[in-house]
C-alpha atoms as a PDB file:
ATOM      1  CA  MET A   1      12.205 -23.763  -8.682  1.00  0.00           C
ATOM      2  CA  SER A   2      15.611 -24.372 -10.116  1.00  0.00           C
ATOM      3  CA  GLN A   3      18.426 -22.041 -10.818  1.00  0.00           C
ATOM      4  CA  GLU A   4      17.659 -19.364 -13.373  1.00  0.00           C
ATOM      5  CA  ASN A   5      19.490 -18.734 -16.672  1.00  0.00           C
ATOM      6  CA  GLY A   6      20.847 -15.346 -15.513  1.00  0.00           C
ATOM      7  CA  ASP A   7      17.670 -13.403 -15.733  1.00  0.00           C
ATOM      8  CA  LEU A   8      17.035 -13.769 -12.084  1.00  0.00           C
ATOM      9  CA  LEU A   9      16.280 -10.419 -10.374  1.00  0.00           C
ATOM     10  CA  ARG A  10      16.302  -9.864  -6.578  1.00  0.00           C
ATOM     11  CA  VAL A  11      14.880  -6.629  -5.229  1.00  0.00           C
ATOM     12  CA  VAL A  12      14.404  -5.561  -1.525  1.00  0.00           C
ATOM     13  CA  TYR A  13      11.829  -2.692  -0.790  1.00  0.00           C
ATOM     14  CA  LEU A  14      10.487  -0.964   2.154  1.00  0.00           C
ATOM     15  CA  SER A  15       7.115   0.490   2.724  1.00  0.00           C
ATOM     16  CA  THR A  16       4.768   1.700   5.414  1.00  0.00           C
ATOM     17  CA  SER A  17       1.795  -0.432   6.049  1.00  0.00           C
ATOM     18  CA  LEU A  18      -1.497   1.175   5.692  1.00  0.00           C
ATOM     19  CA  ILE A  19      -3.487  -1.834   6.686  1.00  0.00           C
ATOM     20  CA  SER A  20      -5.877  -1.360   9.626  1.00  0.00           C
ATOM     21  CA  ARG A  21      -4.566  -2.643  12.951  1.00  0.00           C
ATOM     22  CA  SER A  22      -8.010  -3.173  14.339  1.00  0.00           C
ATOM     23  CA  PRO A  23      -8.620  -6.607  15.948  1.00  0.00           C
ATOM     24  CA  GLY A  24      -8.592  -9.376  13.233  1.00  0.00           C
ATOM     25  CA  ALA A  25      -8.322  -6.983  10.237  1.00  0.00           C
ATOM     26  CA  PHE A  26      -4.443  -7.158   9.912  1.00  0.00           C
ATOM     27  CA  ARG A  27      -4.507 -10.982  10.261  1.00  0.00           C
ATOM     28  CA  ALA A  28      -7.160 -11.418   7.857  1.00  0.00           C
ATOM     29  CA  GLU A  29      -5.522  -9.089   5.351  1.00  0.00           C
ATOM     30  CA  MET A  30      -2.208 -10.715   5.716  1.00  0.00           C
ATOM     31  CA  ALA A  31      -3.658 -14.089   5.301  1.00  0.00           C
ATOM     32  CA  SER A  32      -5.358 -12.889   2.063  1.00  0.00           C
ATOM     33  CA  ILE A  33      -2.233 -11.355   0.697  1.00  0.00           C
ATOM     34  CA  LEU A  34      -0.226 -14.644   1.367  1.00  0.00           C
ATOM     35  CA  GLU A  35      -3.017 -16.766  -0.242  1.00  0.00           C
ATOM     36  CA  ALA A  36      -3.003 -14.567  -3.380  1.00  0.00           C
ATOM     37  CA  CYS A  37       0.841 -14.837  -3.522  1.00  0.00           C
ATOM     38  CA  ALA A  38       0.487 -18.668  -3.229  1.00  0.00           C
ATOM     39  CA  ARG A  39      -1.704 -18.623  -6.277  1.00  0.00           C
ATOM     40  CA  ARG A  40       0.054 -16.094  -8.511  1.00  0.00           C
ATOM     41  CA  ASN A  41       3.605 -16.230  -7.676  1.00  0.00           C
ATOM     42  CA  PRO A  42       4.483 -19.853  -8.836  1.00  0.00           C
ATOM     43  CA  ARG A  43       2.834 -19.065 -12.309  1.00  0.00           C
ATOM     44  CA  LEU A  44       4.999 -16.028 -12.499  1.00  0.00           C
ATOM     45  CA  GLY A  45       8.214 -17.820 -11.106  1.00  0.00           C
ATOM     46  CA  VAL A  46       8.450 -15.423  -8.309  1.00  0.00           C
ATOM     47  CA  THR A  47       9.674 -16.439  -4.703  1.00  0.00           C
ATOM     48  CA  GLY A  48      10.615 -14.211  -1.725  1.00  0.00           C
ATOM     49  CA  VAL A  49       9.734 -13.363   1.710  1.00  0.00           C
ATOM     50  CA  LEU A  50       7.618 -10.563   3.271  1.00  0.00           C
ATOM     51  CA  ILE A  51       8.645  -9.261   6.794  1.00  0.00           C
ATOM     52  CA  TYR A  52       6.386  -7.084   8.895  1.00  0.00           C
ATOM     53  CA  GLU A  53       8.167  -4.875  11.305  1.00  0.00           C
ATOM     54  CA  ARG A  54       6.779  -2.115  13.471  1.00  0.00           C
ATOM     55  CA  GLY A  55       4.289  -0.813  11.026  1.00  0.00           C
ATOM     56  CA  ARG A  56       6.555  -1.484   7.987  1.00  0.00           C
ATOM     57  CA  PHE A  57       6.962  -4.040   5.282  1.00  0.00           C
ATOM     58  CA  VAL A  58      10.225  -5.167   3.988  1.00  0.00           C
ATOM     59  CA  GLN A  59       9.915  -7.538   1.117  1.00  0.00           C
ATOM     60  CA  LEU A  60      12.389  -9.518  -1.057  1.00  0.00           C
ATOM     61  CA  LEU A  61      11.153 -10.610  -4.431  1.00  0.00           C
ATOM     62  CA  GLU A  62      13.126 -12.783  -6.733  1.00  0.00           C
ATOM     63  CA  GLY A  63      12.307 -14.046 -10.080  1.00  0.00           C
ATOM     64  CA  PRO A  64      12.312 -13.162 -13.844  1.00  0.00           C
ATOM     65  CA  ALA A  65      12.950  -9.292 -14.134  1.00  0.00           C
ATOM     66  CA  GLU A  66       9.804  -8.717 -16.100  1.00  0.00           C
ATOM     67  CA  ALA A  67       7.707 -10.396 -13.419  1.00  0.00           C
ATOM     68  CA  VAL A  68       9.381  -8.782 -10.517  1.00  0.00           C
ATOM     69  CA  ASP A  69       9.150  -5.414 -12.115  1.00  0.00           C
ATOM     70  CA  ALA A  70       5.532  -5.794 -12.737  1.00  0.00           C
ATOM     71  CA  LEU A  71       4.712  -6.826  -9.085  1.00  0.00           C
ATOM     72  CA  LEU A  72       6.783  -3.908  -8.011  1.00  0.00           C
ATOM     73  CA  ASP A  73       4.821  -1.483 -10.111  1.00  0.00           C
ATOM     74  CA  ASP A  74       1.568  -3.067  -8.729  1.00  0.00           C
ATOM     75  CA  ILE A  75       2.824  -3.008  -5.180  1.00  0.00           C
ATOM     76  CA  GLU A  76       3.873   0.730  -5.362  1.00  0.00           C
ATOM     77  CA  THR A  77       0.446   1.704  -6.158  1.00  0.00           C
ATOM     78  CA  ASP A  78      -1.305  -0.644  -3.751  1.00  0.00           C
ATOM     79  CA  VAL A  79      -3.555   1.076  -1.257  1.00  0.00           C
ATOM     80  CA  ARG A  80      -2.057  -0.887   1.587  1.00  0.00           C
ATOM     81  CA  HIS A  81       1.465   0.380   0.977  1.00  0.00           C
ATOM     82  CA  GLY A  82       2.784   3.982   1.696  1.00  0.00           C
ATOM     83  CA  LEU A  83       6.436   5.512   1.460  1.00  0.00           C
ATOM     84  CA  PHE A  84       7.411   2.660  -1.091  1.00  0.00           C
ATOM     85  CA  LYS A  85      11.197   2.695  -1.454  1.00  0.00           C
ATOM     86  CA  ILE A  86      13.532   0.204  -3.223  1.00  0.00           C
ATOM     87  CA  LEU A  87      16.517  -0.567  -0.964  1.00  0.00           C
ATOM     88  CA  TRP A  88      18.303  -3.112  -3.087  1.00  0.00           C
ATOM     89  CA  ARG A  89      18.052  -4.249  -6.786  1.00  0.00           C
ATOM     90  CA  THR A  90      20.610  -6.882  -8.123  1.00  0.00           C
ATOM     91  CA  ARG A  91      21.051  -9.659 -10.485  1.00  0.00           C
ATOM     92  CA  ALA A  92      21.433 -13.132  -8.774  1.00  0.00           C
ATOM     93  CA  SER A  93      22.592 -16.593  -9.853  1.00  0.00           C
ATOM     94  CA  ARG A  94      20.480 -18.495  -7.309  1.00  0.00           C
ATOM     95  CA  ARG A  95      17.319 -17.877  -5.234  1.00  0.00           C
ATOM     96  CA  LEU A  96      17.452 -17.215  -1.478  1.00  0.00           C
ATOM     97  CA  PHE A  97      13.671 -18.375  -1.001  1.00  0.00           C
ATOM     98  CA  GLU A  98      13.519 -21.202  -3.609  1.00  0.00           C
ATOM     99  CA  ASN A  99      10.645 -23.064  -1.846  1.00  0.00           C
ATOM    100  CA  TRP A 100       8.524 -20.173  -0.802  1.00  0.00           C
ATOM    101  CA  SER A 101       5.842 -18.427  -3.142  1.00  0.00           C
ATOM    102  CA  MET A 102       6.024 -15.951  -0.352  1.00  0.00           C
ATOM    103  CA  ALA A 103       7.124 -16.765   3.144  1.00  0.00           C
ATOM    104  CA  PHE A 104       5.954 -14.231   5.961  1.00  0.00           C
ATOM    105  CA  MET A 105       7.644 -13.225   9.202  1.00  0.00           C
ATOM    106  CA  ASP A 106       6.315 -11.070  11.761  1.00  0.00           C
ATOM    107  CA  ALA A 107       9.481  -9.722  13.211  1.00  0.00           C
ATOM    108  CA  ALA A 108       7.644  -9.397  16.579  1.00  0.00           C
ATOM    109  CA  ASP A 109       7.349 -13.169  16.750  1.00  0.00           C
ATOM    110  CA  ALA A 110      11.014 -13.963  15.630  1.00  0.00           C
ATOM    111  CA  PRO A 111      14.426 -13.783  17.307  1.00  0.00           C
ATOM    112  CA  ALA A 112      16.092 -10.217  16.952  1.00  0.00           C
ATOM    113  CA  LEU A 113      17.364  -9.502  13.481  1.00  0.00           C
ATOM    114  CA  PRO A 114      21.125  -9.119  12.950  1.00  0.00           C
ATOM    115  CA  ASP A 115      22.021  -5.409  13.206  1.00  0.00           C
ATOM    116  CA  ALA A 116      18.515  -4.638  14.460  1.00  0.00           C
ATOM    117  CA  ALA A 117      19.671  -1.307  15.616  1.00  0.00           C
ATOM    118  CA  THR A 118      20.385  -0.200  11.982  1.00  0.00           C
ATOM    119  CA  PRO A 119      17.177   0.856  10.288  1.00  0.00           C
ATOM    120  CA  TRP A 120      16.310  -1.128   7.180  1.00  0.00           C
ATOM    121  CA  GLU A 121      16.637   1.866   4.968  1.00  0.00           C
ATOM    122  CA  ARG A 122      20.145   2.563   6.176  1.00  0.00           C
ATOM    123  CA  ALA A 123      21.359  -0.923   5.841  1.00  0.00           C
ATOM    124  CA  SER A 124      24.078  -1.815   3.348  1.00  0.00           C
ATOM    125  CA  PRO A 125      23.540  -4.550   0.795  1.00  0.00           C
ATOM    126  CA  VAL A 126      25.679  -6.806   3.020  1.00  0.00           C
ATOM    127  CA  GLN A 127      23.517  -6.151   6.070  1.00  0.00           C
ATOM    128  CA  LEU A 128      20.361  -6.690   4.076  1.00  0.00           C
ATOM    129  CA  ALA A 129      21.524 -10.009   2.793  1.00  0.00           C
ATOM    130  CA  ALA A 130      22.669 -11.066   6.253  1.00  0.00           C
ATOM    131  CA  ARG A 131      19.063 -10.163   7.691  1.00  0.00           C
ATOM    132  CA  LEU A 132      17.312 -12.064   4.763  1.00  0.00           C
ATOM    133  CA  ALA A 133      19.552 -15.030   5.162  1.00  0.00           C
ATOM    134  CA  PHE A 134      18.745 -14.912   8.877  1.00  0.00           C
ATOM    135  CA  ALA A 135      14.976 -14.888   8.053  1.00  0.00           C
ATOM    136  CA  GLY A 136      15.588 -17.965   5.758  1.00  0.00           C
ATOM    137  CA  LYS A 137      17.142 -19.896   8.532  1.00  0.00           C
ATOM    138  CA  HIS A 138      14.197 -19.236  10.920  1.00  0.00           C
ATOM    139  CA  LEU A 139      11.471 -20.527   8.674  1.00  0.00           C
ATOM    140  CA  SER A 140       9.991 -22.120  11.698  1.00  0.00           C
ATOM    141  CA  VAL A 141       8.749 -18.569  12.629  1.00  0.00           C
ATOM    142  CA  LEU A 142       7.298 -17.873   9.153  1.00  0.00           C
ATOM    143  CA  SER A 143       3.661 -18.647   8.903  1.00  0.00           C
ATOM    144  CA  VAL A 144       0.295 -17.339   7.624  1.00  0.00           C
ATOM    145  CA  PRO A 145      -1.076 -15.194  10.519  1.00  0.00           C
ATOM    146  CA  VAL A 146      -4.621 -16.280  10.446  1.00  0.00           C
ATOM    147  CA  SER A 147      -6.735 -17.065  13.554  1.00  0.00           C
ATOM    148  CA  PRO A 148      -9.668 -19.588  13.221  1.00  0.00           C
ATOM    149  CA  ALA A 149     -12.078 -16.632  13.952  1.00  0.00           C
ATOM    150  CA  SER A 150     -10.635 -14.213  11.501  1.00  0.00           C
ATOM    151  CA  PRO A 151     -12.583 -14.197   8.098  1.00  0.00           C
ATOM    152  CA  ALA A 152     -10.557 -14.051   5.038  1.00  0.00           C
ATOM    153  CA  VAL A 153     -10.594 -10.734   3.138  1.00  0.00           C
ATOM    154  CA  ASN A 154     -10.980 -11.147  -0.569  1.00  0.00           C
ATOM    155  CA  THR A 155      -8.499  -8.476  -2.004  1.00  0.00           C
ATOM    156  CA  ALA A 156      -9.194  -9.709  -5.668  1.00  0.00           C
ATOM    157  CA  ASP A 157     -12.319  -7.549  -5.746  1.00  0.00           C
ATOM    158  CA  ARG A 158     -10.668  -4.547  -4.054  1.00  0.00           C
ATOM    159  CA  PRO A 159      -9.516  -1.532  -6.335  1.00  0.00           C
ATOM    160  CA  GLY A 160      -5.825  -0.805  -5.689  1.00  0.00           C
ATOM    161  CA  SER A 161      -4.889  -4.376  -4.537  1.00  0.00           C
ATOM    162  CA  ALA A 162      -1.482  -5.584  -5.997  1.00  0.00           C
ATOM    163  CA  TYR A 163      -1.988  -9.039  -4.669  1.00  0.00           C
ATOM    164  CA  ALA A 164      -5.159 -10.144  -6.665  1.00  0.00           C
END
């Protein structure tokens, strides 16, 4: 995706994961979310990264304001998210994750994030930008966390799913 015409919105939010941590369930649910993002986000012009860290999601979404706002509305009411809070909302002239419909990083599998001692919700916009740029530089640790034995979960038929 190329640079936008000034209508590029970048939003970072934090939420609590309400996805079951039972064996295989979390990996299957994340794989399903990322597959849905891969289908839907290019059509909407949305890119970004989803970071899972200690029971919480931090996600950056970037794209046309109307599409990003619609996704945020869906995510806020998604049954897999609790305590939804927008941390940063700004206009941008270029994308940070231009080639990713939705990259995923499990922070437990990655090098320590910059300023890791500062909780996400207390990080300044400068700290958030540094953490997200760090994630972008470590794409080798970004992956769809699916194991061959884990069946995919179809969230399209699940009420309250923002990723259909």
